[in-house]
Amino acid sequence: MELTNNKRTSAMRNVKSQFSSVIMENEAIRPGISGNEEIYSLIMGNDPVISRNKAIHVPFSIILLFLLVFSGCKKDDEMDNITADSFNGSITAKVENGASYNSQIRIVWVLFDSKMSNGYLTGTKVTEGQYANGGFTVNMPDIPDQYLTNVKTFFSNVMNVNGDLEYSNSDARMLYVDFWGMDSDLGYIDYFTYTNTGSQRTTCFFVYSDSEVTVKGGKNIGVMLRRGWNRIYRSSDKLTSKAPDDMKWYLNGKF
């Protein structure tokens, strides 16, 4: 479905001051389309996912097409040798076919808890970066504890992992963020994903953790998170902190 011909509506102008220079709380942003929730659902594949009998809403909805309910099973060598990703919180993204979005996207907002409700995109802004020359750069800040979720809740309700998991630090707290392309009126265009396009599609989650923790479960779950920003890679049969090959940035669905 083509969205570029839809009339855009401007964002609310009274933007709140950032908390500790990094957090903007629950600012309502009018979408860069006509504000039709049904259109959003069609484009984003925004169906609820059931985890432990609770319906939840995952903004990185493109990965829901490849969702697997993970369960514990026999261990293998790869999951016994778990390492953290080398990510340091600095992102320089070169978007595939990114130059074609230069006239539409002016800024990239990094949001957590982003949701659509009544035609509005809502969330809490962590930081932002200018979009230019087919890409963007952002430096991710520390996140205050009040916004974080316990690691067990995060893996069950956000990552949709069912079954017995081993946590080296069950007190760790975390969140993940989405990257939204905004136009000059702060109407949204779409969100960006860091993924690959091979036969085994893998999508990356950018996750902040307040402390180091390793999470293990059978042969398909092996994640090590350090304090600060991390990357978790999810495919249809694996959840890991080991980066696969050929990861690239895309505007949602435009592979």
C-alpha atoms as a PDB file:
ATOM      1  CA  MET A   1       0.000   0.000   0.000  1.00  0.00           C
ATOM      2  CA  GLU A   2       1.355   3.408  -0.971  1.00  0.00           C
ATOM      3  CA  LEU A   3       1.351   6.009   1.797  1.00  0.00           C
ATOM      4  CA  THR A   4       3.094   8.935   0.134  1.00  0.00           C
ATOM      5  CA  ASN A   5      -0.141  10.303  -1.321  1.00  0.00           C
ATOM      6  CA  ASN A   6      -1.884  10.489   2.038  1.00  0.00           C
ATOM      7  CA  LYS A   7      -2.217  13.935   3.547  1.00  0.00           C
ATOM      8  CA  ARG A   8       0.001  14.287   6.582  1.00  0.00           C
ATOM      9  CA  THR A   9      -1.039  15.924   9.808  1.00  0.00           C
ATOM     10  CA  SER A  10       1.341  17.969  11.914  1.00  0.00           C
ATOM     11  CA  ALA A  11       2.587  16.967  15.323  1.00  0.00           C
ATOM     12  CA  MET A  12       1.590  18.674  18.527  1.00  0.00           C
ATOM     13  CA  ARG A  13       3.787  21.750  18.899  1.00  0.00           C
ATOM     14  CA  ASN A  14       4.042  21.963  22.680  1.00  0.00           C
ATOM     15  CA  VAL A  15       6.930  19.552  23.087  1.00  0.00           C
ATOM     16  CA  LYS A  16       7.892  18.819  26.683  1.00  0.00           C
ATOM     17  CA  SER A  17      11.388  19.459  27.964  1.00  0.00           C
ATOM     18  CA  GLN A  18      13.627  16.438  28.019  1.00  0.00           C
ATOM     19  CA  PHE A  19      14.141  14.724  31.352  1.00  0.00           C
ATOM     20  CA  SER A  20      17.858  14.685  32.215  1.00  0.00           C
ATOM     21  CA  SER A  21      18.419  15.781  28.604  1.00  0.00           C
ATOM     22  CA  VAL A  22      17.566  12.325  27.314  1.00  0.00           C
ATOM     23  CA  ILE A  23      13.970  11.393  28.138  1.00  0.00           C
ATOM     24  CA  MET A  24      10.770  12.903  26.754  1.00  0.00           C
ATOM     25  CA  GLU A  25       7.722  11.423  28.434  1.00  0.00           C
ATOM     26  CA  ASN A  26       4.651  10.260  26.564  1.00  0.00           C
ATOM     27  CA  GLU A  27       4.545  12.954  23.913  1.00  0.00           C
ATOM     28  CA  ALA A  28       1.672  12.307  21.475  1.00  0.00           C
ATOM     29  CA  ILE A  29       2.832  12.511  17.876  1.00  0.00           C
ATOM     30  CA  ARG A  30       0.364  12.690  15.025  1.00  0.00           C
ATOM     31  CA  PRO A  31       1.214  10.152  12.346  1.00  0.00           C
ATOM     32  CA  GLY A  32       2.551  10.977   8.911  1.00  0.00           C
ATOM     33  CA  ILE A  33      -0.477   9.238   7.404  1.00  0.00           C
ATOM     34  CA  SER A  34      -4.150  10.034   7.722  1.00  0.00           C
ATOM     35  CA  GLY A  35      -4.420   8.870  11.322  1.00  0.00           C
ATOM     36  CA  ASN A  36      -6.338   5.724  10.427  1.00  0.00           C
ATOM     37  CA  GLU A  37      -5.626   2.922  12.901  1.00  0.00           C
ATOM     38  CA  GLU A  38      -6.756   0.329  10.352  1.00  0.00           C
ATOM     39  CA  ILE A  39      -4.165   1.555   7.833  1.00  0.00           C
ATOM     40  CA  TYR A  40      -1.475   1.322  10.492  1.00  0.00           C
ATOM     41  CA  SER A  41      -2.458  -2.252  11.278  1.00  0.00           C
ATOM     42  CA  LEU A  42      -2.327  -3.277   7.633  1.00  0.00           C
ATOM     43  CA  ILE A  43       1.067  -1.734   7.071  1.00  0.00           C
ATOM     44  CA  MET A  44       2.711  -2.771  10.325  1.00  0.00           C
ATOM     45  CA  GLY A  45       1.190  -6.230  10.721  1.00  0.00           C
ATOM     46  CA  ASN A  46       0.138  -5.106  14.168  1.00  0.00           C
ATOM     47  CA  ASP A  47      -1.700  -8.190  15.452  1.00  0.00           C
ATOM     48  CA  PRO A  48      -1.617  -8.992  19.174  1.00  0.00           C
ATOM     49  CA  VAL A  49       0.698 -11.785  20.270  1.00  0.00           C
ATOM     50  CA  ILE A  50      -0.320 -14.138  23.034  1.00  0.00           C
ATOM     51  CA  SER A  51       2.289 -14.952  25.658  1.00  0.00           C
ATOM     52  CA  ARG A  52       1.260 -16.757  28.838  1.00  0.00           C
ATOM     53  CA  ASN A  53      -2.372 -15.890  28.091  1.00  0.00           C
ATOM     54  CA  LYS A  54      -1.745 -12.149  27.858  1.00  0.00           C
ATOM     55  CA  ALA A  55      -2.162 -10.107  24.684  1.00  0.00           C
ATOM     56  CA  ILE A  56       0.817  -7.810  24.150  1.00  0.00           C
ATOM     57  CA  HIS A  57       1.808  -5.246  21.557  1.00  0.00           C
ATOM     58  CA  VAL A  58       5.341  -5.336  20.026  1.00  0.00           C
ATOM     59  CA  PRO A  59       6.367  -2.217  18.014  1.00  0.00           C
ATOM     60  CA  PHE A  60       9.025  -4.166  16.081  1.00  0.00           C
ATOM     61  CA  SER A  61       6.086  -5.934  14.465  1.00  0.00           C
ATOM     62  CA  ILE A  62       7.874  -7.001  11.312  1.00  0.00           C
ATOM     63  CA  ILE A  63       9.531  -9.772  13.328  1.00  0.00           C
ATOM     64  CA  LEU A  64       6.161 -11.128  14.354  1.00  0.00           C
ATOM     65  CA  LEU A  65       5.981 -12.768  10.929  1.00  0.00           C
ATOM     66  CA  PHE A  66       8.878 -14.923  12.072  1.00  0.00           C
ATOM     67  CA  LEU A  67       7.851 -15.367  15.698  1.00  0.00           C
ATOM     68  CA  LEU A  68       8.804 -18.609  17.428  1.00  0.00           C
ATOM     69  CA  VAL A  69       7.712 -19.553  20.926  1.00  0.00           C
ATOM     70  CA  PHE A  70      11.030 -20.695  22.345  1.00  0.00           C
ATOM     71  CA  SER A  71      11.275 -23.617  24.746  1.00  0.00           C
ATOM     72  CA  GLY A  72      14.110 -25.292  26.600  1.00  0.00           C
ATOM     73  CA  CYS A  73      15.738 -28.363  25.083  1.00  0.00           C
ATOM     74  CA  LYS A  74      19.098 -30.088  24.800  1.00  0.00           C
ATOM     75  CA  LYS A  75      22.154 -27.807  25.031  1.00  0.00           C
ATOM     76  CA  ASP A  76      24.763 -27.477  22.318  1.00  0.00           C
ATOM     77  CA  ASP A  77      28.278 -26.020  22.205  1.00  0.00           C
ATOM     78  CA  GLU A  78      27.229 -22.667  20.727  1.00  0.00           C
ATOM     79  CA  MET A  79      24.890 -21.899  23.606  1.00  0.00           C
ATOM     80  CA  ASP A  80      27.524 -22.965  26.158  1.00  0.00           C
ATOM     81  CA  ASN A  81      29.963 -20.378  24.752  1.00  0.00           C
ATOM     82  CA  ILE A  82      27.907 -17.185  25.007  1.00  0.00           C
ATOM     83  CA  THR A  83      29.486 -13.791  24.422  1.00  0.00           C
ATOM     84  CA  ALA A  84      28.144 -10.239  24.407  1.00  0.00           C
ATOM     85  CA  ASP A  85      27.852  -8.239  21.210  1.00  0.00           C
ATOM     86  CA  SER A  86      30.493  -5.523  20.674  1.00  0.00           C
ATOM     87  CA  PHE A  87      27.939  -2.688  20.478  1.00  0.00           C
ATOM     88  CA  ASN A  88      28.965   0.445  22.411  1.00  0.00           C
ATOM     89  CA  GLY A  89      25.818   2.544  22.058  1.00  0.00           C
ATOM     90  CA  SER A  90      26.955   4.581  19.060  1.00  0.00           C
ATOM     91  CA  ILE A  91      24.943   4.019  15.870  1.00  0.00           C
ATOM     92  CA  THR A  92      25.926   5.158  12.390  1.00  0.00           C
ATOM     93  CA  ALA A  93      23.220   3.750  10.126  1.00  0.00           C
ATOM     94  CA  LYS A  94      23.483   3.660   6.360  1.00  0.00           C
ATOM     95  CA  VAL A  95      19.974   2.788   5.214  1.00  0.00           C
ATOM     96  CA  GLU A  96      19.468   0.605   2.149  1.00  0.00           C
ATOM     97  CA  ASN A  97      18.151   2.830  -0.654  1.00  0.00           C
ATOM     98  CA  GLY A  98      18.341   5.538   1.980  1.00  0.00           C
ATOM     99  CA  ALA A  99      18.909   8.422  -0.431  1.00  0.00           C
ATOM    100  CA  SER A 100      15.374   7.964  -1.742  1.00  0.00           C
ATOM    101  CA  TYR A 101      14.046   9.000   1.699  1.00  0.00           C
ATOM    102  CA  ASN A 102      16.099  12.197   1.984  1.00  0.00           C
ATOM    103  CA  SER A 103      13.201  14.380   0.874  1.00  0.00           C
ATOM    104  CA  GLN A 104      10.743  12.748   3.285  1.00  0.00           C
ATOM    105  CA  ILE A 105      12.634  12.020   6.495  1.00  0.00           C
ATOM    106  CA  ARG A 106      14.288  14.874   8.389  1.00  0.00           C
ATOM    107  CA  ILE A 107      14.963  13.409  11.803  1.00  0.00           C
ATOM    108  CA  VAL A 108      15.074  10.007  13.536  1.00  0.00           C
ATOM    109  CA  TRP A 109      13.503   9.683  16.966  1.00  0.00           C
ATOM    110  CA  VAL A 110      14.561   6.843  19.258  1.00  0.00           C
ATOM    111  CA  LEU A 111      11.528   5.814  21.324  1.00  0.00           C
ATOM    112  CA  PHE A 112      10.742   3.165  23.858  1.00  0.00           C
ATOM    113  CA  ASP A 113       7.278   1.855  24.644  1.00  0.00           C
ATOM    114  CA  SER A 114       6.100   3.196  21.281  1.00  0.00           C
ATOM    115  CA  LYS A 115       2.453   2.406  20.528  1.00  0.00           C
ATOM    116  CA  MET A 116      -0.364   3.473  18.246  1.00  0.00           C
ATOM    117  CA  SER A 117      -3.548   4.623  19.937  1.00  0.00           C
ATOM    118  CA  ASN A 118      -6.464   6.540  18.403  1.00  0.00           C
ATOM    119  CA  GLY A 119      -4.374   7.533  15.421  1.00  0.00           C
ATOM    120  CA  TYR A 120      -1.434   8.757  17.496  1.00  0.00           C
ATOM    121  CA  LEU A 121       2.050   7.363  17.846  1.00  0.00           C
ATOM    122  CA  THR A 122       3.042   7.642  21.510  1.00  0.00           C
ATOM    123  CA  GLY A 123       6.192   6.777  23.385  1.00  0.00           C
ATOM    124  CA  THR A 124       9.070   8.120  25.399  1.00  0.00           C
ATOM    125  CA  LYS A 125      11.885   9.730  23.458  1.00  0.00           C
ATOM    126  CA  VAL A 126      15.406   8.683  24.421  1.00  0.00           C
ATOM    127  CA  THR A 127      17.378  10.687  21.866  1.00  0.00           C
ATOM    128  CA  GLU A 128      17.281  11.812  18.245  1.00  0.00           C
ATOM    129  CA  GLY A 129      19.520  12.281  15.232  1.00  0.00           C
ATOM    130  CA  GLN A 130      19.338  14.081  11.907  1.00  0.00           C
ATOM    131  CA  TYR A 131      18.568  12.028   8.806  1.00  0.00           C
ATOM    132  CA  ALA A 132      20.822  13.026   5.914  1.00  0.00           C
ATOM    133  CA  ASN A 133      22.596  11.432   2.953  1.00  0.00           C
ATOM    134  CA  GLY A 134      20.622   8.242   3.293  1.00  0.00           C
ATOM    135  CA  GLY A 135      21.299   7.531   6.938  1.00  0.00           C
ATOM    136  CA  PHE A 136      21.518   8.770  10.524  1.00  0.00           C
ATOM    137  CA  THR A 137      23.791   8.820  13.562  1.00  0.00           C
ATOM    138  CA  VAL A 138      22.669   8.597  17.201  1.00  0.00           C
ATOM    139  CA  ASN A 139      24.525   8.152  20.474  1.00  0.00           C
ATOM    140  CA  MET A 140      22.475   6.248  23.002  1.00  0.00           C
ATOM    141  CA  PRO A 141      22.365   7.614  26.576  1.00  0.00           C
ATOM    142  CA  ASP A 142      21.987   5.856  29.916  1.00  0.00           C
ATOM    143  CA  ILE A 143      18.384   5.244  30.944  1.00  0.00           C
ATOM    144  CA  PRO A 144      17.037   6.017  34.444  1.00  0.00           C
ATOM    145  CA  ASP A 145      15.930   2.955  36.415  1.00  0.00           C
ATOM    146  CA  GLN A 146      12.294   4.074  36.599  1.00  0.00           C
ATOM    147  CA  TYR A 147      11.797   3.196  32.930  1.00  0.00           C
ATOM    148  CA  LEU A 148      13.290  -0.317  33.086  1.00  0.00           C
ATOM    149  CA  THR A 149      11.622  -3.741  33.329  1.00  0.00           C
ATOM    150  CA  ASN A 150      12.857  -6.807  35.216  1.00  0.00           C
ATOM    151  CA  VAL A 151      14.794  -9.225  33.007  1.00  0.00           C
ATOM    152  CA  LYS A 152      12.334 -12.087  33.537  1.00  0.00           C
ATOM    153  CA  THR A 153       9.384  -9.922  32.562  1.00  0.00           C
ATOM    154  CA  PHE A 154      11.335  -8.571  29.600  1.00  0.00           C
ATOM    155  CA  PHE A 155      12.120 -11.998  28.148  1.00  0.00           C
ATOM    156  CA  SER A 156       8.648 -13.444  28.757  1.00  0.00           C
ATOM    157  CA  ASN A 157       6.440 -10.472  27.836  1.00  0.00           C
ATOM    158  CA  VAL A 158       8.590  -8.544  25.362  1.00  0.00           C
ATOM    159  CA  MET A 159      10.743 -11.204  23.707  1.00  0.00           C
ATOM    160  CA  ASN A 160       7.905 -13.764  23.983  1.00  0.00           C
ATOM    161  CA  VAL A 161      10.067 -16.528  25.399  1.00  0.00           C
ATOM    162  CA  ASN A 162       8.152 -19.343  27.072  1.00  0.00           C
ATOM    163  CA  GLY A 163       9.758 -22.144  29.073  1.00  0.00           C
ATOM    164  CA  ASP A 164      12.464 -22.442  31.696  1.00  0.00           C
ATOM    165  CA  LEU A 165      15.328 -19.967  31.388  1.00  0.00           C
ATOM    166  CA  GLU A 166      18.503 -19.590  33.434  1.00  0.00           C
ATOM    167  CA  TYR A 167      19.361 -16.055  34.584  1.00  0.00           C
ATOM    168  CA  SER A 168      22.797 -15.255  35.977  1.00  0.00           C
ATOM    169  CA  ASN A 169      21.350 -12.078  37.486  1.00  0.00           C
ATOM    170  CA  SER A 170      17.597 -12.156  38.030  1.00  0.00           C
ATOM    171  CA  ASP A 171      17.617  -8.565  39.315  1.00  0.00           C
ATOM    172  CA  ALA A 172      18.800  -7.045  36.021  1.00  0.00           C
ATOM    173  CA  ARG A 173      16.448  -4.477  34.469  1.00  0.00           C
ATOM    174  CA  MET A 174      16.144  -3.433  30.835  1.00  0.00           C
ATOM    175  CA  LEU A 175      14.201  -1.996  27.908  1.00  0.00           C
ATOM    176  CA  TYR A 176      14.462  -1.857  24.118  1.00  0.00           C
ATOM    177  CA  VAL A 177      13.883   0.974  21.661  1.00  0.00           C
ATOM    178  CA  ASP A 178      12.493   1.626  18.178  1.00  0.00           C
ATOM    179  CA  PHE A 179      13.809   4.032  15.536  1.00  0.00           C
ATOM    180  CA  TRP A 180      11.196   6.239  13.851  1.00  0.00           C
ATOM    181  CA  GLY A 181      11.691   8.396  10.767  1.00  0.00           C
ATOM    182  CA  MET A 182       9.931  11.754  11.130  1.00  0.00           C
ATOM    183  CA  ASP A 183       9.181  14.425   8.538  1.00  0.00           C
ATOM    184  CA  SER A 184       9.779  18.160   8.886  1.00  0.00           C
ATOM    185  CA  ASP A 185       6.389  18.604  10.638  1.00  0.00           C
ATOM    186  CA  LEU A 186       7.208  15.753  13.058  1.00  0.00           C
ATOM    187  CA  GLY A 187       4.688  13.457  11.439  1.00  0.00           C
ATOM    188  CA  TYR A 188       6.009   9.923  11.306  1.00  0.00           C
ATOM    189  CA  ILE A 189       6.966   8.253   8.055  1.00  0.00           C
ATOM    190  CA  ASP A 190       7.831   4.731   9.250  1.00  0.00           C
ATOM    191  CA  TYR A 191      10.239   2.892  11.534  1.00  0.00           C
ATOM    192  CA  PHE A 192      13.667   1.477  10.729  1.00  0.00           C
ATOM    193  CA  THR A 193      14.809  -2.081  11.301  1.00  0.00           C
ATOM    194  CA  TYR A 194      18.303  -3.557  11.487  1.00  0.00           C
ATOM    195  CA  THR A 195      17.949  -6.957   9.846  1.00  0.00           C
ATOM    196  CA  ASN A 196      19.145  -9.261   7.102  1.00  0.00           C
ATOM    197  CA  THR A 197      17.321 -10.679   4.126  1.00  0.00           C
ATOM    198  CA  GLY A 198      18.646 -14.230   3.943  1.00  0.00           C
ATOM    199  CA  SER A 199      16.572 -17.392   4.094  1.00  0.00           C
ATOM    200  CA  GLN A 200      16.845 -17.243   7.889  1.00  0.00           C
ATOM    201  CA  ARG A 201      15.660 -13.688   8.570  1.00  0.00           C
ATOM    202  CA  THR A 202      17.203 -12.157  11.687  1.00  0.00           C
ATOM    203  CA  THR A 203      16.107  -8.895  13.297  1.00  0.00           C
ATOM    204  CA  CYS A 204      18.052  -6.930  15.885  1.00  0.00           C
ATOM    205  CA  PHE A 205      16.695  -5.508  19.150  1.00  0.00           C
ATOM    206  CA  PHE A 206      18.602  -2.624  20.728  1.00  0.00           C
ATOM    207  CA  VAL A 207      18.421  -3.291  24.466  1.00  0.00           C
ATOM    208  CA  TYR A 208      19.594  -1.269  27.463  1.00  0.00           C
ATOM    209  CA  SER A 209      20.466  -3.190  30.644  1.00  0.00           C
ATOM    210  CA  ASP A 210      21.343  -1.729  34.038  1.00  0.00           C
ATOM    211  CA  SER A 211      23.731  -4.605  34.824  1.00  0.00           C
ATOM    212  CA  GLU A 212      25.428  -7.635  33.307  1.00  0.00           C
ATOM    213  CA  VAL A 213      23.304 -10.742  32.844  1.00  0.00           C
ATOM    214  CA  THR A 214      23.437 -13.992  30.865  1.00  0.00           C
ATOM    215  CA  VAL A 215      20.198 -15.682  29.802  1.00  0.00           C
ATOM    216  CA  LYS A 216      20.220 -19.305  28.621  1.00  0.00           C
ATOM    217  CA  GLY A 217      17.575 -21.790  27.538  1.00  0.00           C
ATOM    218  CA  GLY A 218      18.281 -25.006  25.705  1.00  0.00           C
ATOM    219  CA  LYS A 219      19.917 -24.987  22.287  1.00  0.00           C
ATOM    220  CA  ASN A 220      18.234 -21.889  20.877  1.00  0.00           C
ATOM    221  CA  ILE A 221      18.580 -19.167  23.532  1.00  0.00           C
ATOM    222  CA  GLY A 222      21.935 -17.754  24.576  1.00  0.00           C
ATOM    223  CA  VAL A 223      22.219 -14.041  25.358  1.00  0.00           C
ATOM    224  CA  MET A 224      24.838 -12.067  27.295  1.00  0.00           C
ATOM    225  CA  LEU A 225      24.068  -8.442  28.116  1.00  0.00           C
ATOM    226  CA  ARG A 226      26.528  -5.970  29.581  1.00  0.00           C
ATOM    227  CA  ARG A 227      25.652  -2.861  31.537  1.00  0.00           C
ATOM    228  CA  GLY A 228      24.589  -0.264  28.972  1.00  0.00           C
ATOM    229  CA  TRP A 229      23.428  -0.753  25.404  1.00  0.00           C
ATOM    230  CA  ASN A 230      23.391  -4.172  23.738  1.00  0.00           C
ATOM    231  CA  ARG A 231      22.071  -5.887  20.630  1.00  0.00           C
ATOM    232  CA  ILE A 232      19.961  -9.065  20.693  1.00  0.00           C
ATOM    233  CA  TYR A 233      19.458 -10.964  17.429  1.00  0.00           C
ATOM    234  CA  ARG A 234      16.249 -12.854  16.857  1.00  0.00           C
ATOM    235  CA  SER A 235      15.395 -15.298  14.088  1.00  0.00           C
ATOM    236  CA  SER A 236      12.614 -17.837  13.775  1.00  0.00           C
ATOM    237  CA  ASP A 237      14.579 -20.431  15.743  1.00  0.00           C
ATOM    238  CA  LYS A 238      17.190 -18.595  17.796  1.00  0.00           C
ATOM    239  CA  LEU A 239      17.726 -15.732  20.228  1.00  0.00           C
ATOM    240  CA  THR A 240      21.369 -14.754  20.632  1.00  0.00           C
ATOM    241  CA  SER A 241      23.807 -11.910  21.258  1.00  0.00           C
ATOM    242  CA  LYS A 242      26.094 -13.208  18.493  1.00  0.00           C
ATOM    243  CA  ALA A 243      25.840 -11.017  15.394  1.00  0.00           C
ATOM    244  CA  PRO A 244      24.971 -12.801  12.135  1.00  0.00           C
ATOM    245  CA  ASP A 245      26.334 -11.786   8.741  1.00  0.00           C
ATOM    246  CA  ASP A 246      24.888  -9.187   6.375  1.00  0.00           C
ATOM    247  CA  MET A 247      22.911  -7.109   8.853  1.00  0.00           C
ATOM    248  CA  LYS A 248      21.656  -3.873   7.256  1.00  0.00           C
ATOM    249  CA  TRP A 249      19.322  -0.982   8.027  1.00  0.00           C
ATOM    250  CA  TYR A 250      15.998  -0.786   6.190  1.00  0.00           C
ATOM    251  CA  LEU A 251      12.941   1.388   6.309  1.00  0.00           C
ATOM    252  CA  ASN A 252      10.217  -1.009   7.432  1.00  0.00           C
ATOM    253  CA  GLY A 253       9.419  -3.665   4.836  1.00  0.00           C
ATOM    254  CA  LYS A 254      11.488  -2.074   2.058  1.00  0.00           C
ATOM    255  CA  PHE A 255      14.046  -4.826   1.560  1.00  0.00           C
END
